[in-house]
Amino acid sequence: MTFNEKKRKKSFLENVKYEYMVAGLSGGVVSTAILHPFDLIKIRFQVNDGSGTIKNRQSYNGIMDAVRSITRTNGIKGLYQGVSPNLAGAGSSWGLYFFSFNFCKASLKDYQQLESLSATSHLLAGTIAGVFTLSLTNPIWVIKTRMCLQTGATSANEVYYSGVLDGLKKLYQQEGLRGYYRGFVPGLFGVSHGALQFMAYEELKKMRSKYTGQPAESKLNPLEYIAMAALSKVFAVVSTYPYQVLRSRLQDAQYLGHYNGMVDTFQKILRHEGVSGLYKGMFMSMLRVTPACCITFLVYENVSHFLLEKN
């Protein structure tokens, strides 16, 4: 039986593999637990517009100043403020993304009757997976952003969240379903980030496969996974970073009423902060997301290979 005949006889449901979800969730939780402080500081840099509009909003003169200021006020635990929604968001997002991306990838292979996909098809699979994942997890990211920005003393217009469930409850009570999807539009632009990253990662695996003659899905050594994950992440971050600043500003409760949608936010940042304002926190983001991506993909690849071989 030829390859194409086998593909035609394959059941659609065979592309549903929960091993990818478990592996992705594992990678997301491990990397987030290790590197959350970098994410906390990145968000605080992103929402500081330098205008002094927001009272009680601390500004920092660099990374070390931020670390010293946070630990001086709240101790080491201050660096892990908002970690619970970050763990929930990262775990669920990575799990859903890897699950849906691999499902889309396998389905596209079946539909096109190909052994490997083109870069365009990988980009399409990543885009579909990204929209699906963001639609389910955006409320958690709103809670995470706000918890990372909470200070010891709340201002009159700041609602304190004690955890993910408390945040989801209060967010709905205060702002309704609309509150769950604050920052969703710039988040959709961010879908391109994941799509570009996964496209680059898959293309790097294909290049290695052509060079070595081994199947693209064969298990690699840890250094190869780390190198490919790092290169694909840097490529995606540089290409799409500004959307993260827009999303953080729109999700920040203390900026409600200050920005009127994505376009208004973009224009005000350019007017008051220049182009550099769209890249605030990028260095901190790179410090966090590059090793986080390497850890996530390394854990994901090893766990998924283990589970698939076991089953």
C-alpha atoms as a PDB file:
ATOM      1  CA  MET A   1       0.000   0.000   0.000  1.00  0.00           C
ATOM      2  CA  THR A   2       1.389   3.404  -0.950  1.00  0.00           C
ATOM      3  CA  PHE A   3       1.817   6.317   1.434  1.00  0.00           C
ATOM      4  CA  ASN A   4      -1.171   8.171  -0.059  1.00  0.00           C
ATOM      5  CA  GLU A   5      -3.414   5.081   0.147  1.00  0.00           C
ATOM      6  CA  LYS A   6      -2.534   4.686   3.820  1.00  0.00           C
ATOM      7  CA  LYS A   7      -3.370   8.344   4.421  1.00  0.00           C
ATOM      8  CA  ARG A   8      -6.766   8.010   2.734  1.00  0.00           C
ATOM      9  CA  LYS A   9      -7.635   5.013   4.934  1.00  0.00           C
ATOM     10  CA  LYS A  10      -6.553   6.782   8.123  1.00  0.00           C
ATOM     11  CA  SER A  11      -9.335   7.803  10.500  1.00  0.00           C
ATOM     12  CA  PHE A  12      -9.726  11.517  11.196  1.00  0.00           C
ATOM     13  CA  LEU A  13      -9.881  10.804  14.940  1.00  0.00           C
ATOM     14  CA  GLU A  14      -6.415   9.227  14.866  1.00  0.00           C
ATOM     15  CA  ASN A  15      -5.023  12.766  14.664  1.00  0.00           C
ATOM     16  CA  VAL A  16      -6.394  13.496  18.162  1.00  0.00           C
ATOM     17  CA  LYS A  17      -3.478  12.729  20.478  1.00  0.00           C
ATOM     18  CA  TYR A  18      -3.783  13.900  24.072  1.00  0.00           C
ATOM     19  CA  GLU A  19      -0.140  13.035  24.676  1.00  0.00           C
ATOM     20  CA  TYR A  20       0.748  16.350  23.024  1.00  0.00           C
ATOM     21  CA  MET A  21      -1.511  18.243  25.437  1.00  0.00           C
ATOM     22  CA  VAL A  22       0.030  16.571  28.499  1.00  0.00           C
ATOM     23  CA  ALA A  23       3.548  17.166  27.176  1.00  0.00           C
ATOM     24  CA  GLY A  24       2.847  20.818  26.330  1.00  0.00           C
ATOM     25  CA  LEU A  25       1.235  21.466  29.724  1.00  0.00           C
ATOM     26  CA  SER A  26       4.240  19.898  31.466  1.00  0.00           C
ATOM     27  CA  GLY A  27       6.689  22.068  29.555  1.00  0.00           C
ATOM     28  CA  GLY A  28       4.690  25.252  30.170  1.00  0.00           C
ATOM     29  CA  VAL A  29       4.363  24.679  33.923  1.00  0.00           C
ATOM     30  CA  VAL A  30       8.036  23.816  34.430  1.00  0.00           C
ATOM     31  CA  SER A  31       9.377  26.808  32.494  1.00  0.00           C
ATOM     32  CA  THR A  32       6.909  29.247  34.091  1.00  0.00           C
ATOM     33  CA  ALA A  33       7.656  28.098  37.614  1.00  0.00           C
ATOM     34  CA  ILE A  34      11.372  28.717  37.040  1.00  0.00           C
ATOM     35  CA  LEU A  35      11.198  32.035  35.181  1.00  0.00           C
ATOM     36  CA  HIS A  36       8.114  33.880  36.473  1.00  0.00           C
ATOM     37  CA  PRO A  37      10.086  36.805  38.051  1.00  0.00           C
ATOM     38  CA  PHE A  38      11.299  37.869  34.596  1.00  0.00           C
ATOM     39  CA  ASP A  39       7.694  37.943  33.362  1.00  0.00           C
ATOM     40  CA  LEU A  40       6.590  40.027  36.342  1.00  0.00           C
ATOM     41  CA  ILE A  41       9.252  42.678  35.719  1.00  0.00           C
ATOM     42  CA  LYS A  42       8.583  42.677  31.954  1.00  0.00           C
ATOM     43  CA  ILE A  43       4.897  43.487  32.516  1.00  0.00           C
ATOM     44  CA  ARG A  44       5.727  46.304  34.915  1.00  0.00           C
ATOM     45  CA  PHE A  45       8.060  47.825  32.338  1.00  0.00           C
ATOM     46  CA  GLN A  46       5.413  47.486  29.611  1.00  0.00           C
ATOM     47  CA  VAL A  47       2.672  49.397  31.447  1.00  0.00           C
ATOM     48  CA  ASN A  48       4.891  52.266  32.614  1.00  0.00           C
ATOM     49  CA  ASP A  49       4.292  55.059  30.112  1.00  0.00           C
ATOM     50  CA  GLY A  50       6.463  57.556  31.993  1.00  0.00           C
ATOM     51  CA  SER A  51       3.667  60.137  32.238  1.00  0.00           C
ATOM     52  CA  GLY A  52       2.861  59.720  35.916  1.00  0.00           C
ATOM     53  CA  THR A  53      -0.821  59.267  34.996  1.00  0.00           C
ATOM     54  CA  ILE A  54      -1.217  56.286  37.295  1.00  0.00           C
ATOM     55  CA  LYS A  55      -0.691  57.087  40.980  1.00  0.00           C
ATOM     56  CA  ASN A  56       1.155  54.541  43.146  1.00  0.00           C
ATOM     57  CA  ARG A  57       2.626  53.006  39.965  1.00  0.00           C
ATOM     58  CA  GLN A  58       6.304  52.297  40.651  1.00  0.00           C
ATOM     59  CA  SER A  59       8.830  53.122  37.922  1.00  0.00           C
ATOM     60  CA  TYR A  60      12.221  51.420  37.680  1.00  0.00           C
ATOM     61  CA  ASN A  61      15.637  52.440  36.425  1.00  0.00           C
ATOM     62  CA  GLY A  62      16.563  49.082  34.963  1.00  0.00           C
ATOM     63  CA  ILE A  63      16.290  45.398  35.809  1.00  0.00           C
ATOM     64  CA  MET A  64      18.377  45.367  38.998  1.00  0.00           C
ATOM     65  CA  ASP A  65      16.541  48.411  40.346  1.00  0.00           C
ATOM     66  CA  ALA A  66      13.248  46.605  39.729  1.00  0.00           C
ATOM     67  CA  VAL A  67      14.447  43.478  41.556  1.00  0.00           C
ATOM     68  CA  ARG A  68      15.732  45.502  44.532  1.00  0.00           C
ATOM     69  CA  SER A  69      12.569  47.606  44.730  1.00  0.00           C
ATOM     70  CA  ILE A  70      10.209  44.615  44.580  1.00  0.00           C
ATOM     71  CA  THR A  71      12.132  42.525  47.130  1.00  0.00           C
ATOM     72  CA  ARG A  72      12.563  45.520  49.447  1.00  0.00           C
ATOM     73  CA  THR A  73       8.797  46.084  49.490  1.00  0.00           C
ATOM     74  CA  ASN A  74       7.432  42.524  49.388  1.00  0.00           C
ATOM     75  CA  GLY A  75      10.423  40.225  49.888  1.00  0.00           C
ATOM     76  CA  ILE A  76      11.349  37.370  47.568  1.00  0.00           C
ATOM     77  CA  LYS A  77       7.680  36.365  47.340  1.00  0.00           C
ATOM     78  CA  GLY A  78       7.059  39.693  45.588  1.00  0.00           C
ATOM     79  CA  LEU A  79       8.896  38.332  42.559  1.00  0.00           C
ATOM     80  CA  TYR A  80       6.278  35.576  42.339  1.00  0.00           C
ATOM     81  CA  GLN A  81       3.243  37.849  42.481  1.00  0.00           C
ATOM     82  CA  GLY A  82       0.716  36.593  39.932  1.00  0.00           C
ATOM     83  CA  VAL A  83       2.435  33.216  39.583  1.00  0.00           C
ATOM     84  CA  SER A  84      -0.783  31.181  40.004  1.00  0.00           C
ATOM     85  CA  PRO A  85      -2.578  32.590  36.933  1.00  0.00           C
ATOM     86  CA  ASN A  86       0.715  32.477  35.038  1.00  0.00           C
ATOM     87  CA  LEU A  87       1.070  28.760  35.784  1.00  0.00           C
ATOM     88  CA  ALA A  88      -2.573  28.168  34.862  1.00  0.00           C
ATOM     89  CA  GLY A  89      -2.311  30.282  31.727  1.00  0.00           C
ATOM     90  CA  ALA A  90       1.038  28.942  30.528  1.00  0.00           C
ATOM     91  CA  GLY A  91       0.180  25.318  31.273  1.00  0.00           C
ATOM     92  CA  SER A  92      -3.213  25.439  29.577  1.00  0.00           C
ATOM     93  CA  SER A  93      -1.936  27.559  26.668  1.00  0.00           C
ATOM     94  CA  TRP A  94       1.042  25.372  25.853  1.00  0.00           C
ATOM     95  CA  GLY A  95      -1.018  22.213  26.311  1.00  0.00           C
ATOM     96  CA  LEU A  96      -3.818  23.445  24.056  1.00  0.00           C
ATOM     97  CA  TYR A  97      -1.414  24.916  21.519  1.00  0.00           C
ATOM     98  CA  PHE A  98       0.719  21.799  21.097  1.00  0.00           C
ATOM     99  CA  PHE A  99      -2.409  19.621  20.984  1.00  0.00           C
ATOM    100  CA  SER A 100      -4.204  21.734  18.362  1.00  0.00           C
ATOM    101  CA  PHE A 101      -1.040  22.459  16.333  1.00  0.00           C
ATOM    102  CA  ASN A 102      -0.197  18.774  15.996  1.00  0.00           C
ATOM    103  CA  PHE A 103      -3.834  17.972  15.185  1.00  0.00           C
ATOM    104  CA  CYS A 104      -3.884  20.645  12.457  1.00  0.00           C
ATOM    105  CA  LYS A 105      -0.509  19.543  11.153  1.00  0.00           C
ATOM    106  CA  ALA A 106      -1.560  15.887  10.901  1.00  0.00           C
ATOM    107  CA  SER A 107      -4.911  16.814   9.332  1.00  0.00           C
ATOM    108  CA  LEU A 108      -3.238  19.038   6.728  1.00  0.00           C
ATOM    109  CA  LYS A 109      -0.835  16.215   5.881  1.00  0.00           C
ATOM    110  CA  ASP A 110      -3.792  13.888   5.379  1.00  0.00           C
ATOM    111  CA  TYR A 111      -5.722  16.436   3.324  1.00  0.00           C
ATOM    112  CA  GLN A 112      -2.758  17.321   1.103  1.00  0.00           C
ATOM    113  CA  GLN A 113      -1.516  13.709   1.097  1.00  0.00           C
ATOM    114  CA  LEU A 114       2.029  14.751   1.934  1.00  0.00           C
ATOM    115  CA  GLU A 115       4.738  13.315   4.155  1.00  0.00           C
ATOM    116  CA  SER A 116       5.847  16.800   5.270  1.00  0.00           C
ATOM    117  CA  LEU A 117       4.264  20.241   5.156  1.00  0.00           C
ATOM    118  CA  SER A 118       5.521  23.449   3.584  1.00  0.00           C
ATOM    119  CA  ALA A 119       6.405  26.537   5.625  1.00  0.00           C
ATOM    120  CA  THR A 120       3.070  28.090   4.583  1.00  0.00           C
ATOM    121  CA  SER A 121       1.125  25.080   5.851  1.00  0.00           C
ATOM    122  CA  HIS A 122       3.025  25.144   9.147  1.00  0.00           C
ATOM    123  CA  LEU A 123       2.135  28.837   9.441  1.00  0.00           C
ATOM    124  CA  LEU A 124      -1.543  28.028   8.788  1.00  0.00           C
ATOM    125  CA  ALA A 125      -1.546  25.248  11.397  1.00  0.00           C
ATOM    126  CA  GLY A 126       0.076  27.583  13.925  1.00  0.00           C
ATOM    127  CA  THR A 127      -2.457  30.332  13.225  1.00  0.00           C
ATOM    128  CA  ILE A 128      -5.461  28.035  13.699  1.00  0.00           C
ATOM    129  CA  ALA A 129      -3.966  26.618  16.900  1.00  0.00           C
ATOM    130  CA  GLY A 130      -3.225  30.117  18.183  1.00  0.00           C
ATOM    131  CA  VAL A 131      -6.740  31.495  17.660  1.00  0.00           C
ATOM    132  CA  PHE A 132      -8.257  28.409  19.304  1.00  0.00           C
ATOM    133  CA  THR A 133      -5.920  28.629  22.306  1.00  0.00           C
ATOM    134  CA  LEU A 134      -6.285  32.386  22.821  1.00  0.00           C
ATOM    135  CA  SER A 135     -10.094  32.161  22.682  1.00  0.00           C
ATOM    136  CA  LEU A 136     -10.059  29.755  25.630  1.00  0.00           C
ATOM    137  CA  THR A 137      -7.255  31.271  27.729  1.00  0.00           C
ATOM    138  CA  ASN A 138      -7.529  35.067  27.344  1.00  0.00           C
ATOM    139  CA  PRO A 139      -9.448  35.512  30.655  1.00  0.00           C
ATOM    140  CA  ILE A 140      -6.570  33.885  32.538  1.00  0.00           C
ATOM    141  CA  TRP A 141      -4.062  36.256  30.914  1.00  0.00           C
ATOM    142  CA  VAL A 142      -6.131  39.281  31.975  1.00  0.00           C
ATOM    143  CA  ILE A 143      -6.053  38.039  35.581  1.00  0.00           C
ATOM    144  CA  LYS A 144      -2.335  37.304  35.354  1.00  0.00           C
ATOM    145  CA  THR A 145      -1.528  40.811  34.090  1.00  0.00           C
ATOM    146  CA  ARG A 146      -3.547  42.482  36.838  1.00  0.00           C
ATOM    147  CA  MET A 147      -2.144  40.293  39.609  1.00  0.00           C
ATOM    148  CA  CYS A 148       1.399  41.061  38.461  1.00  0.00           C
ATOM    149  CA  LEU A 149       0.592  44.790  38.739  1.00  0.00           C
ATOM    150  CA  GLN A 150      -0.993  44.669  42.183  1.00  0.00           C
ATOM    151  CA  THR A 151       0.831  46.627  44.861  1.00  0.00           C
ATOM    152  CA  GLY A 152       0.703  46.290  48.614  1.00  0.00           C
ATOM    153  CA  ALA A 153      -1.738  49.185  48.917  1.00  0.00           C
ATOM    154  CA  THR A 154      -4.586  49.239  46.439  1.00  0.00           C
ATOM    155  CA  SER A 155      -5.830  52.515  45.016  1.00  0.00           C
ATOM    156  CA  ALA A 156      -9.495  53.487  44.830  1.00  0.00           C
ATOM    157  CA  ASN A 157      -9.955  52.139  41.303  1.00  0.00           C
ATOM    158  CA  GLU A 158      -7.955  48.926  41.752  1.00  0.00           C
ATOM    159  CA  VAL A 159      -9.684  45.631  42.581  1.00  0.00           C
ATOM    160  CA  TYR A 160      -7.513  43.174  44.465  1.00  0.00           C
ATOM    161  CA  TYR A 161      -7.420  39.554  43.231  1.00  0.00           C
ATOM    162  CA  SER A 162      -6.346  36.866  45.694  1.00  0.00           C
ATOM    163  CA  GLY A 163      -6.071  34.149  43.050  1.00  0.00           C
ATOM    164  CA  VAL A 164      -7.226  32.929  39.649  1.00  0.00           C
ATOM    165  CA  LEU A 165     -10.764  31.927  40.643  1.00  0.00           C
ATOM    166  CA  ASP A 166     -11.231  35.058  42.756  1.00  0.00           C
ATOM    167  CA  GLY A 167      -9.983  37.141  39.841  1.00  0.00           C
ATOM    168  CA  LEU A 168     -12.308  35.490  37.327  1.00  0.00           C
ATOM    169  CA  LYS A 169     -15.268  36.019  39.662  1.00  0.00           C
ATOM    170  CA  LYS A 170     -14.515  39.684  40.392  1.00  0.00           C
ATOM    171  CA  LEU A 171     -13.626  40.445  36.794  1.00  0.00           C
ATOM    172  CA  TYR A 172     -17.003  39.163  35.633  1.00  0.00           C
ATOM    173  CA  GLN A 173     -18.830  41.044  38.401  1.00  0.00           C
ATOM    174  CA  GLN A 174     -17.058  44.320  37.623  1.00  0.00           C
ATOM    175  CA  GLU A 175     -16.766  44.214  33.827  1.00  0.00           C
ATOM    176  CA  GLY A 176     -18.842  41.298  32.545  1.00  0.00           C
ATOM    177  CA  LEU A 177     -17.793  39.068  29.660  1.00  0.00           C
ATOM    178  CA  ARG A 178     -16.104  42.039  28.003  1.00  0.00           C
ATOM    179  CA  GLY A 179     -13.584  42.091  30.843  1.00  0.00           C
ATOM    180  CA  TYR A 180     -12.570  38.513  30.068  1.00  0.00           C
ATOM    181  CA  TYR A 181     -11.540  39.543  26.576  1.00  0.00           C
ATOM    182  CA  ARG A 182      -9.658  42.762  27.221  1.00  0.00           C
ATOM    183  CA  GLY A 183      -6.571  42.777  25.033  1.00  0.00           C
ATOM    184  CA  PHE A 184      -8.039  40.037  22.840  1.00  0.00           C
ATOM    185  CA  VAL A 185      -7.601  41.957  19.561  1.00  0.00           C
ATOM    186  CA  PRO A 186      -3.869  42.639  20.037  1.00  0.00           C
ATOM    187  CA  GLY A 187      -3.705  39.065  21.309  1.00  0.00           C
ATOM    188  CA  LEU A 188      -4.944  37.950  17.900  1.00  0.00           C
ATOM    189  CA  PHE A 189      -1.988  39.772  16.380  1.00  0.00           C
ATOM    190  CA  GLY A 190       0.096  37.810  18.845  1.00  0.00           C
ATOM    191  CA  VAL A 191      -1.181  34.617  17.273  1.00  0.00           C
ATOM    192  CA  SER A 192       1.281  35.417  14.505  1.00  0.00           C
ATOM    193  CA  HIS A 193       4.038  35.157  17.132  1.00  0.00           C
ATOM    194  CA  GLY A 194       3.268  31.528  17.910  1.00  0.00           C
ATOM    195  CA  ALA A 195       2.619  30.724  14.260  1.00  0.00           C
ATOM    196  CA  LEU A 196       5.963  32.212  13.181  1.00  0.00           C
ATOM    197  CA  GLN A 197       7.776  30.457  16.015  1.00  0.00           C
ATOM    198  CA  PHE A 198       6.321  27.033  15.265  1.00  0.00           C
ATOM    199  CA  MET A 199       6.853  27.526  11.533  1.00  0.00           C
ATOM    200  CA  ALA A 200      10.522  28.347  12.146  1.00  0.00           C
ATOM    201  CA  TYR A 201      10.898  25.426  14.576  1.00  0.00           C
ATOM    202  CA  GLU A 202       9.385  22.927  12.145  1.00  0.00           C
ATOM    203  CA  GLU A 203      11.448  24.281   9.257  1.00  0.00           C
ATOM    204  CA  LEU A 204      14.636  23.920  11.321  1.00  0.00           C
ATOM    205  CA  LYS A 205      13.691  20.300  12.046  1.00  0.00           C
ATOM    206  CA  LYS A 206      13.129  19.746   8.314  1.00  0.00           C
ATOM    207  CA  MET A 207      16.536  21.267   7.493  1.00  0.00           C
ATOM    208  CA  ARG A 208      18.190  18.970  10.019  1.00  0.00           C
ATOM    209  CA  SER A 209      16.314  15.993   8.577  1.00  0.00           C
ATOM    210  CA  LYS A 210      17.569  16.757   5.059  1.00  0.00           C
ATOM    211  CA  TYR A 211      21.119  17.189   6.354  1.00  0.00           C
ATOM    212  CA  THR A 212      21.234  13.991   8.455  1.00  0.00           C
ATOM    213  CA  GLY A 213      18.811  11.803   6.493  1.00  0.00           C
ATOM    214  CA  GLN A 214      16.840  11.045   9.681  1.00  0.00           C
ATOM    215  CA  PRO A 215      13.044  11.518   9.916  1.00  0.00           C
ATOM    216  CA  ALA A 216      11.997  15.028  10.990  1.00  0.00           C
ATOM    217  CA  GLU A 217       9.986  13.617  13.918  1.00  0.00           C
ATOM    218  CA  SER A 218      12.826  11.456  15.245  1.00  0.00           C
ATOM    219  CA  LYS A 219      14.039  12.158  18.774  1.00  0.00           C
ATOM    220  CA  LEU A 220      16.977  14.598  18.911  1.00  0.00           C
ATOM    221  CA  ASN A 221      19.552  15.297  21.582  1.00  0.00           C
ATOM    222  CA  PRO A 222      18.813  18.071  24.140  1.00  0.00           C
ATOM    223  CA  LEU A 223      21.243  20.580  22.630  1.00  0.00           C
ATOM    224  CA  GLU A 224      19.559  20.326  19.227  1.00  0.00           C
ATOM    225  CA  TYR A 225      16.128  20.986  20.740  1.00  0.00           C
ATOM    226  CA  ILE A 226      17.503  23.936  22.732  1.00  0.00           C
ATOM    227  CA  ALA A 227      19.239  25.493  19.715  1.00  0.00           C
ATOM    228  CA  MET A 228      16.194  25.199  17.441  1.00  0.00           C
ATOM    229  CA  ALA A 229      13.820  26.462  20.138  1.00  0.00           C
ATOM    230  CA  ALA A 230      16.042  29.480  20.873  1.00  0.00           C
ATOM    231  CA  LEU A 231      16.456  30.468  17.227  1.00  0.00           C
ATOM    232  CA  SER A 232      12.741  30.159  16.481  1.00  0.00           C
ATOM    233  CA  LYS A 233      11.797  32.150  19.596  1.00  0.00           C
ATOM    234  CA  VAL A 234      14.181  35.046  18.900  1.00  0.00           C
ATOM    235  CA  PHE A 235      12.848  35.250  15.345  1.00  0.00           C
ATOM    236  CA  ALA A 236       9.239  35.406  16.591  1.00  0.00           C
ATOM    237  CA  VAL A 237       9.889  37.908  19.408  1.00  0.00           C
ATOM    238  CA  VAL A 238      11.661  40.456  17.210  1.00  0.00           C
ATOM    239  CA  SER A 239       8.935  40.137  14.566  1.00  0.00           C
ATOM    240  CA  THR A 240       5.897  40.588  16.813  1.00  0.00           C
ATOM    241  CA  TYR A 241       6.827  42.165  20.175  1.00  0.00           C
ATOM    242  CA  PRO A 242       4.800  45.465  20.004  1.00  0.00           C
ATOM    243  CA  TYR A 243       1.469  43.643  20.306  1.00  0.00           C
ATOM    244  CA  GLN A 244       2.465  42.538  23.832  1.00  0.00           C
ATOM    245  CA  VAL A 245       2.867  46.150  24.961  1.00  0.00           C
ATOM    246  CA  LEU A 246      -0.536  47.059  23.486  1.00  0.00           C
ATOM    247  CA  ARG A 247      -2.190  44.079  25.161  1.00  0.00           C
ATOM    248  CA  SER A 248      -0.645  44.816  28.576  1.00  0.00           C
ATOM    249  CA  ARG A 249      -1.792  48.450  28.455  1.00  0.00           C
ATOM    250  CA  LEU A 250      -5.342  47.421  27.467  1.00  0.00           C
ATOM    251  CA  GLN A 251      -5.527  44.739  30.172  1.00  0.00           C
ATOM    252  CA  ASP A 252      -4.208  46.966  32.991  1.00  0.00           C
ATOM    253  CA  ALA A 253      -7.197  47.937  35.164  1.00  0.00           C
ATOM    254  CA  GLN A 254      -5.703  51.325  36.080  1.00  0.00           C
ATOM    255  CA  TYR A 255      -5.563  52.377  32.411  1.00  0.00           C
ATOM    256  CA  LEU A 256      -9.302  51.807  31.882  1.00  0.00           C
ATOM    257  CA  GLY A 257     -10.633  54.889  30.101  1.00  0.00           C
ATOM    258  CA  HIS A 258      -7.134  56.122  29.250  1.00  0.00           C
ATOM    259  CA  TYR A 259      -6.880  54.040  26.077  1.00  0.00           C
ATOM    260  CA  ASN A 260      -9.796  53.575  23.697  1.00  0.00           C
ATOM    261  CA  GLY A 261      -8.954  50.414  21.811  1.00  0.00           C
ATOM    262  CA  MET A 262      -5.879  49.082  20.074  1.00  0.00           C
ATOM    263  CA  VAL A 263      -5.470  51.842  17.465  1.00  0.00           C
ATOM    264  CA  ASP A 264      -5.786  54.611  20.087  1.00  0.00           C
ATOM    265  CA  THR A 265      -3.248  52.829  22.310  1.00  0.00           C
ATOM    266  CA  PHE A 266      -0.827  52.479  19.422  1.00  0.00           C
ATOM    267  CA  GLN A 267      -1.147  56.160  18.477  1.00  0.00           C
ATOM    268  CA  LYS A 268      -0.716  57.422  22.044  1.00  0.00           C
ATOM    269  CA  ILE A 269       2.367  55.299  22.628  1.00  0.00           C
ATOM    270  CA  LEU A 270       3.954  56.606  19.423  1.00  0.00           C
ATOM    271  CA  ARG A 271       2.996  60.201  20.268  1.00  0.00           C
ATOM    272  CA  HIS A 272       4.249  60.234  23.855  1.00  0.00           C
ATOM    273  CA  GLU A 273       6.964  57.561  23.895  1.00  0.00           C
ATOM    274  CA  GLY A 274       8.104  57.129  20.310  1.00  0.00           C
ATOM    275  CA  VAL A 275       8.808  53.850  18.538  1.00  0.00           C
ATOM    276  CA  SER A 276      10.892  52.669  21.506  1.00  0.00           C
ATOM    277  CA  GLY A 277       7.688  52.667  23.571  1.00  0.00           C
ATOM    278  CA  LEU A 278       6.420  49.760  21.475  1.00  0.00           C
ATOM    279  CA  TYR A 279       9.449  47.733  22.533  1.00  0.00           C
ATOM    280  CA  LYS A 280       9.430  48.480  26.267  1.00  0.00           C
ATOM    281  CA  GLY A 281      10.414  45.411  28.237  1.00  0.00           C
ATOM    282  CA  MET A 282      11.644  43.498  25.159  1.00  0.00           C
ATOM    283  CA  PHE A 283      15.092  42.847  26.598  1.00  0.00           C
ATOM    284  CA  MET A 284      13.503  41.496  29.782  1.00  0.00           C
ATOM    285  CA  SER A 285      11.091  39.510  27.646  1.00  0.00           C
ATOM    286  CA  MET A 286      13.985  38.001  25.666  1.00  0.00           C
ATOM    287  CA  LEU A 287      15.772  37.092  28.897  1.00  0.00           C
ATOM    288  CA  ARG A 288      12.678  35.251  30.017  1.00  0.00           C
ATOM    289  CA  VAL A 289      11.043  33.802  26.910  1.00  0.00           C
ATOM    290  CA  THR A 290      14.152  32.435  25.221  1.00  0.00           C
ATOM    291  CA  PRO A 291      15.220  30.130  28.087  1.00  0.00           C
ATOM    292  CA  ALA A 292      11.525  29.503  28.861  1.00  0.00           C
ATOM    293  CA  CYS A 293      10.966  28.364  25.292  1.00  0.00           C
ATOM    294  CA  CYS A 294      14.034  26.138  25.417  1.00  0.00           C
ATOM    295  CA  ILE A 295      12.852  24.526  28.668  1.00  0.00           C
ATOM    296  CA  THR A 296       9.280  24.168  27.383  1.00  0.00           C
ATOM    297  CA  PHE A 297      10.263  22.537  24.091  1.00  0.00           C
ATOM    298  CA  LEU A 298      12.879  20.310  25.746  1.00  0.00           C
ATOM    299  CA  VAL A 299      10.345  19.021  28.294  1.00  0.00           C
ATOM    300  CA  TYR A 300       7.611  18.790  25.652  1.00  0.00           C
ATOM    301  CA  GLU A 301       9.677  16.785  23.156  1.00  0.00           C
ATOM    302  CA  ASN A 302      10.905  14.307  25.763  1.00  0.00           C
ATOM    303  CA  VAL A 303       7.528  13.836  27.437  1.00  0.00           C
ATOM    304  CA  SER A 304       5.665  13.501  24.138  1.00  0.00           C
ATOM    305  CA  HIS A 305       8.158  10.942  22.783  1.00  0.00           C
ATOM    306  CA  PHE A 306       7.908   8.998  26.060  1.00  0.00           C
ATOM    307  CA  LEU A 307       4.086   8.975  26.049  1.00  0.00           C
ATOM    308  CA  LEU A 308       3.741   8.186  22.336  1.00  0.00           C
ATOM    309  CA  GLU A 309       6.245   5.336  22.545  1.00  0.00           C
ATOM    310  CA  LYS A 310       4.520   4.029  25.692  1.00  0.00           C
ATOM    311  CA  ASN A 311       1.135   3.996  23.965  1.00  0.00           C
END
